[in-house]
Amino acid sequence: MSKLLLVGDSNFLIKYTPPHLNRDVNTLVSLTSQLHNYALCHSKSIEIYNASVWGHTLLEFYVSNVIQGPLVHCECDTVVIGFGTNDSNYFYSLNSNICTPRIHFELLLHLISIYTSATQVRKVILVPVPPIHIPTNPKKNYLTNSMIRKINKDRQSLATSLNGTVSYLTDLNFGLHHLCNDGHHLNHLGLDELAKSVIQAIYSHTRRG
């Protein structure tokens, strides 16, 4: 049985009532539930530990898990790393992002190095950061999405250089139709595509990078 660790922000935690069901029905769609469903499609079962924190950035995760410690790993063999949306949030008053693309890259590289050398982790899956879309704030869209594109480009490059250990979900192309009405979070379609792509990366013999 594969043991999967999720580390990310609210996109790894958000839950929805399936649109074809009445809101009174006590059934919620989440990334965790969809991962289990797609694993079953491969006749597999997985154990999932979700260490994601609502609103967190990669920098906050790095500080709490690497600098302060201990590093969460739960004896998992695969780590799925999200983050990026909050890291890219643009502060007009400071005329800068929360975290520069270069710092984000270096933190990610060091985190991967620790996971693959000091724990049982054998595979790291990097998730593309979805775009944001705030109809009333085109300037924020442009500034934030510009950094998101840089982060995703760096993640793909990192996966290419560390091929065999690190995978980047290149076939996962998030679009505006994968976002909920707030323009920041994945909707049920986005969660479904994310779960499907993660499971394919785990169980497919085709390498990604």
Protein backbone atom coordinates (compact mmCIF):
# COMPACT_ATOMS: atom_id res chain seq x y z
CA MET A 1 0.00 0.00 0.00
CA SER A 2 1.31 3.42 -0.98
CA LYS A 3 1.52 6.06 1.73
CA LEU A 4 0.89 9.56 0.44
CA LEU A 5 1.70 12.86 2.15
CA LEU A 6 0.00 16.05 0.96
CA VAL A 7 1.63 19.37 1.80
CA GLY A 8 0.01 22.51 0.47
CA ASP A 9 -2.55 25.20 1.10
CA SER A 10 -6.34 25.41 1.02
CA ASN A 11 -6.56 23.84 -2.44
CA PHE A 12 -5.55 20.57 -0.79
CA LEU A 13 -8.19 21.03 1.95
CA ILE A 14 -11.27 22.56 0.32
CA LYS A 15 -14.42 20.40 0.09
CA TYR A 16 -17.54 20.58 -2.06
CA THR A 17 -20.97 19.00 -2.26
CA PRO A 18 -21.06 17.21 -5.64
CA PRO A 19 -23.17 19.36 -8.02
CA HIS A 20 -25.43 16.43 -8.96
CA LEU A 21 -26.40 15.89 -5.31
CA ASN A 22 -28.70 17.87 -3.05
CA ARG A 23 -26.87 20.10 -0.57
CA ASP A 24 -28.61 18.25 2.25
CA VAL A 25 -26.82 15.04 1.30
CA ASN A 26 -23.89 14.44 3.62
CA THR A 27 -21.37 13.73 0.86
CA LEU A 28 -18.39 15.98 0.23
CA VAL A 29 -15.84 15.93 -2.56
CA SER A 30 -12.28 16.66 -1.49
CA LEU A 31 -8.84 15.98 -2.88
CA THR A 32 -8.42 13.14 -0.40
CA SER A 33 -11.71 11.48 -1.34
CA GLN A 34 -10.97 11.76 -5.06
CA LEU A 35 -7.48 10.31 -4.60
CA HIS A 36 -9.00 7.28 -2.91
CA ASN A 37 -11.56 6.93 -5.73
CA TYR A 38 -8.98 7.05 -8.50
CA ALA A 39 -6.67 4.67 -6.65
CA LEU A 40 -9.53 2.17 -6.59
CA CYS A 41 -9.80 2.55 -10.36
CA HIS A 42 -6.25 1.13 -10.47
CA SER A 43 -7.29 -1.61 -8.03
CA LYS A 44 -5.03 0.00 -5.46
CA SER A 45 -5.52 1.36 -1.98
CA ILE A 46 -3.58 4.25 -0.51
CA GLU A 47 -3.05 5.71 2.91
CA ILE A 48 -3.19 9.51 2.86
CA TYR A 49 -1.92 12.00 5.41
CA ASN A 50 -2.83 15.63 4.69
CA ALA A 51 -0.48 18.10 6.39
CA SER A 52 -1.75 21.09 4.43
CA VAL A 53 -2.66 24.32 6.18
CA TRP A 54 -5.23 26.83 5.02
CA GLY A 55 -3.56 30.02 3.81
CA HIS A 56 -0.01 28.74 4.10
CA THR A 57 2.90 29.53 1.82
CA LEU A 58 5.88 27.31 1.06
CA LEU A 59 7.97 29.67 3.18
CA GLU A 60 5.72 29.14 6.22
CA PHE A 61 5.87 25.37 5.76
CA TYR A 62 9.67 25.52 5.45
CA VAL A 63 10.02 27.60 8.63
CA SER A 64 7.76 25.37 10.72
CA ASN A 65 9.02 22.03 9.39
CA VAL A 66 12.68 22.56 8.48
CA ILE A 67 13.94 25.47 10.57
CA GLN A 68 11.83 24.80 13.68
CA GLY A 69 11.09 21.11 13.01
CA PRO A 70 10.35 18.35 13.15
CA LEU A 71 9.70 17.68 9.48
CA VAL A 72 6.36 16.02 8.87
CA HIS A 73 6.78 12.84 6.81
CA CYS A 74 4.56 10.18 8.45
CA GLU A 75 6.73 7.41 6.98
CA CYS A 76 5.21 8.11 3.56
CA ASP A 77 6.82 6.97 0.32
CA THR A 78 5.37 9.76 -1.85
CA VAL A 79 5.02 13.48 -1.17
CA VAL A 80 2.74 15.75 -3.19
CA ILE A 81 3.75 19.41 -2.92
CA GLY A 82 1.33 22.21 -3.68
CA PHE A 83 1.59 25.81 -2.43
CA GLY A 84 2.15 28.76 -4.75
CA THR A 85 -1.16 30.64 -4.74
CA ASN A 86 -0.50 32.46 -1.48
CA ASP A 87 3.22 32.79 -2.25
CA SER A 88 2.30 34.70 -5.42
CA ASN A 89 -0.12 37.11 -3.77
CA TYR A 90 0.94 40.60 -4.72
CA PHE A 91 1.11 43.35 -2.12
CA TYR A 92 0.59 46.71 -3.81
CA SER A 93 1.80 48.63 -0.75
CA LEU A 94 5.17 46.84 -0.82
CA ASN A 95 5.34 46.66 -4.61
CA SER A 96 6.43 43.05 -4.34
CA ASN A 97 5.28 39.45 -3.94
CA ILE A 98 5.21 37.60 -0.62
CA CYS A 99 8.08 35.44 -1.87
CA THR A 100 10.29 35.91 -4.93
CA PRO A 101 10.38 33.11 -7.52
CA ARG A 102 14.06 32.54 -6.79
CA ILE A 103 13.52 32.11 -3.04
CA HIS A 104 10.54 29.85 -3.75
CA PHE A 105 12.73 27.70 -6.01
CA GLU A 106 15.56 27.42 -3.48
CA LEU A 107 13.19 26.51 -0.64
CA LEU A 108 11.54 23.87 -2.80
CA LEU A 109 14.86 22.41 -3.89
CA HIS A 110 16.12 22.14 -0.31
CA LEU A 111 12.83 20.66 0.91
CA ILE A 112 12.95 17.98 -1.80
CA SER A 113 16.56 17.22 -0.92
CA ILE A 114 15.67 16.69 2.74
CA TYR A 115 12.66 14.51 1.98
CA THR A 116 14.54 12.25 -0.42
CA SER A 117 17.71 11.92 1.65
CA ALA A 118 16.51 11.89 5.27
CA THR A 119 13.13 10.12 5.10
CA GLN A 120 11.51 7.10 3.43
CA VAL A 121 10.20 9.28 0.59
CA ARG A 122 11.05 7.81 -2.80
CA LYS A 123 8.98 10.08 -5.03
CA VAL A 124 8.06 13.77 -4.98
CA ILE A 125 5.19 15.07 -7.11
CA LEU A 126 5.08 18.80 -7.88
CA VAL A 127 1.65 20.25 -8.66
CA PRO A 128 1.27 23.17 -11.09
CA VAL A 129 -0.02 26.28 -9.36
CA PRO A 130 -3.46 27.17 -10.77
CA PRO A 131 -4.05 30.70 -12.05
CA ILE A 132 -6.22 33.19 -10.23
CA HIS A 133 -9.01 35.24 -11.79
CA ILE A 134 -10.53 38.23 -10.00
CA PRO A 135 -12.80 39.99 -12.54
CA THR A 136 -12.75 43.24 -10.56
CA ASN A 137 -8.97 43.35 -10.19
CA PRO A 138 -7.15 42.83 -13.50
CA LYS A 139 -3.92 44.32 -12.13
CA LYS A 140 -3.74 41.72 -9.36
CA ASN A 141 -4.53 38.98 -11.88
CA TYR A 142 -1.64 40.07 -14.08
CA LEU A 143 0.93 40.47 -11.30
CA THR A 144 -0.01 37.29 -9.46
CA ASN A 145 -0.33 35.11 -12.55
CA SER A 146 3.02 36.36 -13.84
CA MET A 147 4.70 34.91 -10.76
CA ILE A 148 2.63 31.75 -10.93
CA ARG A 149 3.91 31.14 -14.46
CA LYS A 150 7.49 31.60 -13.24
CA ILE A 151 6.94 29.17 -10.35
CA ASN A 152 5.47 26.55 -12.66
CA LYS A 153 8.32 26.95 -15.14
CA ASP A 154 10.83 26.46 -12.30
CA ARG A 155 8.98 23.38 -11.05
CA GLN A 156 9.03 21.79 -14.48
CA SER A 157 12.74 22.55 -14.81
CA LEU A 158 13.40 21.09 -11.37
CA ALA A 159 11.54 17.90 -12.23
CA THR A 160 13.52 17.58 -15.46
CA SER A 161 16.85 17.90 -13.63
CA LEU A 162 15.80 15.43 -10.93
CA ASN A 163 14.00 13.02 -13.23
CA GLY A 164 13.26 9.68 -11.60
CA THR A 165 12.74 11.18 -8.16
CA VAL A 166 10.67 14.28 -8.88
CA SER A 167 7.67 14.50 -11.19
CA TYR A 168 5.87 17.59 -12.43
CA LEU A 169 2.30 17.08 -13.57
CA THR A 170 2.83 18.40 -17.08
CA ASP A 171 -0.53 17.17 -18.36
CA LEU A 172 -2.42 19.05 -15.66
CA ASN A 173 -3.40 22.32 -17.33
CA PHE A 174 -5.51 24.30 -14.92
CA GLY A 175 -7.82 26.82 -16.57
CA LEU A 176 -10.44 29.29 -15.42
CA HIS A 177 -13.10 26.57 -15.64
CA HIS A 178 -11.25 24.78 -12.82
CA LEU A 179 -11.72 27.73 -10.43
CA CYS A 180 -14.62 28.39 -8.11
CA ASN A 181 -16.38 31.75 -7.97
CA ASP A 182 -13.84 33.37 -5.65
CA GLY A 183 -11.22 33.08 -8.38
CA HIS A 184 -8.61 31.59 -6.04
CA HIS A 185 -9.66 28.04 -5.18
CA LEU A 186 -10.08 24.95 -7.28
CA ASN A 187 -13.66 23.85 -7.85
CA HIS A 188 -14.85 20.24 -7.98
CA LEU A 189 -13.59 19.92 -11.58
CA GLY A 190 -10.15 21.14 -10.57
CA LEU A 191 -9.96 18.77 -7.61
CA ASP A 192 -11.03 15.88 -9.81
CA GLU A 193 -8.37 16.61 -12.44
CA LEU A 194 -5.71 17.05 -9.75
CA ALA A 195 -6.54 13.74 -8.06
CA LYS A 196 -6.61 11.87 -11.37
CA SER A 197 -3.25 13.29 -12.42
CA VAL A 198 -1.59 12.50 -9.08
CA ILE A 199 -2.78 8.88 -9.13
CA GLN A 200 -1.63 8.45 -12.72
CA ALA A 201 1.80 9.78 -11.73
CA ILE A 202 2.01 7.28 -8.89
CA TYR A 203 0.81 4.16 -10.69
CA SER A 204 1.62 4.81 -14.35
CA HIS A 205 4.86 3.41 -15.73
CA THR A 206 5.19 6.55 -17.85
CA ARG A 207 7.60 8.95 -16.24
CA ARG A 208 6.76 12.60 -16.08
CA GLY A 209 9.09 15.54 -15.90
